[in-house]
Amino acid sequence: MAWGGSLNKEGSDYMRNLRDADKALKFLEGLKRKLNEKEKQIVSDTIIIIVNHYNKESKNESQTLK
């Protein structure tokens, strides 16, 4: 890792999933530009669900590290 640390399997999986989620969010943001207002709202709701999920996971990860 860039900071010189090593991760266990759970940490590695978390980082891989986080990168995948970031790619999905970038795709969804780009897709929103091509949609009508109703479809944009659906995509925005999906983005919020993904972000909230990873915010929750991030808090769990930080508590696990304590």
Protein backbone atom coordinates (compact mmCIF):
# COMPACT_ATOMS: atom_id res chain seq x y z
CA MET A 1 0.00 0.00 0.00
CA ALA A 2 1.09 3.55 -0.58
CA TRP A 3 1.48 4.29 3.11
CA GLY A 4 3.77 1.31 3.63
CA GLY A 5 1.38 -0.76 5.70
CA SER A 6 0.05 -4.18 5.07
CA LEU A 7 -3.57 -5.25 5.23
CA ASN A 8 -5.13 -8.49 6.30
CA LYS A 9 -7.62 -10.19 3.99
CA GLU A 10 -10.59 -8.17 5.34
CA GLY A 11 -8.75 -4.90 4.86
CA SER A 12 -7.67 -5.86 1.36
CA ASP A 13 -11.23 -6.86 0.46
CA TYR A 14 -12.53 -3.59 1.89
CA MET A 15 -10.07 -1.54 -0.16
CA ARG A 16 -10.85 -3.49 -3.34
CA ASN A 17 -14.58 -3.04 -2.78
CA LEU A 18 -14.06 0.66 -2.10
CA ARG A 19 -12.21 1.07 -5.41
CA ASP A 20 -14.98 -0.79 -7.22
CA ALA A 21 -17.61 1.41 -5.58
CA ASP A 22 -15.67 4.52 -6.61
CA LYS A 23 -15.64 3.33 -10.23
CA ALA A 24 -19.38 2.66 -10.07
CA LEU A 25 -20.07 6.10 -8.61
CA LYS A 26 -18.05 7.79 -11.34
CA PHE A 27 -19.99 5.85 -13.96
CA LEU A 28 -23.35 6.73 -12.39
CA GLU A 29 -22.42 10.43 -12.16
CA GLY A 30 -21.58 10.42 -15.87
CA LEU A 31 -24.74 8.53 -16.74
CA LYS A 32 -26.89 11.06 -14.90
CA ARG A 33 -25.99 13.73 -17.46
CA LYS A 34 -27.75 11.72 -20.19
CA LEU A 35 -31.01 11.00 -18.36
CA ASN A 36 -34.33 12.73 -17.84
CA GLU A 37 -35.23 14.19 -14.44
CA LYS A 38 -37.06 11.12 -13.11
CA GLU A 39 -34.19 8.83 -14.09
CA LYS A 40 -31.64 11.26 -12.62
CA GLN A 41 -33.44 11.05 -9.28
CA ILE A 42 -33.31 7.25 -9.33
CA VAL A 43 -29.57 7.31 -10.07
CA SER A 44 -29.03 9.94 -7.34
CA ASP A 45 -30.86 7.73 -4.85
CA THR A 46 -28.66 4.80 -5.87
CA ILE A 47 -25.53 6.90 -5.36
CA ILE A 48 -26.73 7.90 -1.89
CA ILE A 49 -27.32 4.25 -0.97
CA ILE A 50 -23.78 3.29 -2.07
CA VAL A 51 -22.16 6.24 -0.26
CA ASN A 52 -24.12 5.59 2.95
CA HIS A 53 -23.17 1.91 2.87
CA TYR A 54 -19.46 2.66 2.60
CA ASN A 55 -19.66 5.44 5.19
CA LYS A 56 -21.16 2.90 7.57
CA GLU A 57 -18.48 0.33 6.68
CA SER A 58 -15.76 2.92 7.14
CA LYS A 59 -17.00 3.69 10.65
CA ASN A 60 -17.06 -0.04 11.43
CA GLU A 61 -13.51 -0.42 10.08
CA SER A 62 -12.20 2.45 12.22
CA GLN A 63 -13.86 1.01 15.33
CA THR A 64 -12.37 -2.40 14.59
CA LEU A 65 -8.88 -0.89 14.42
CA LYS A 66 -9.14 0.64 17.91
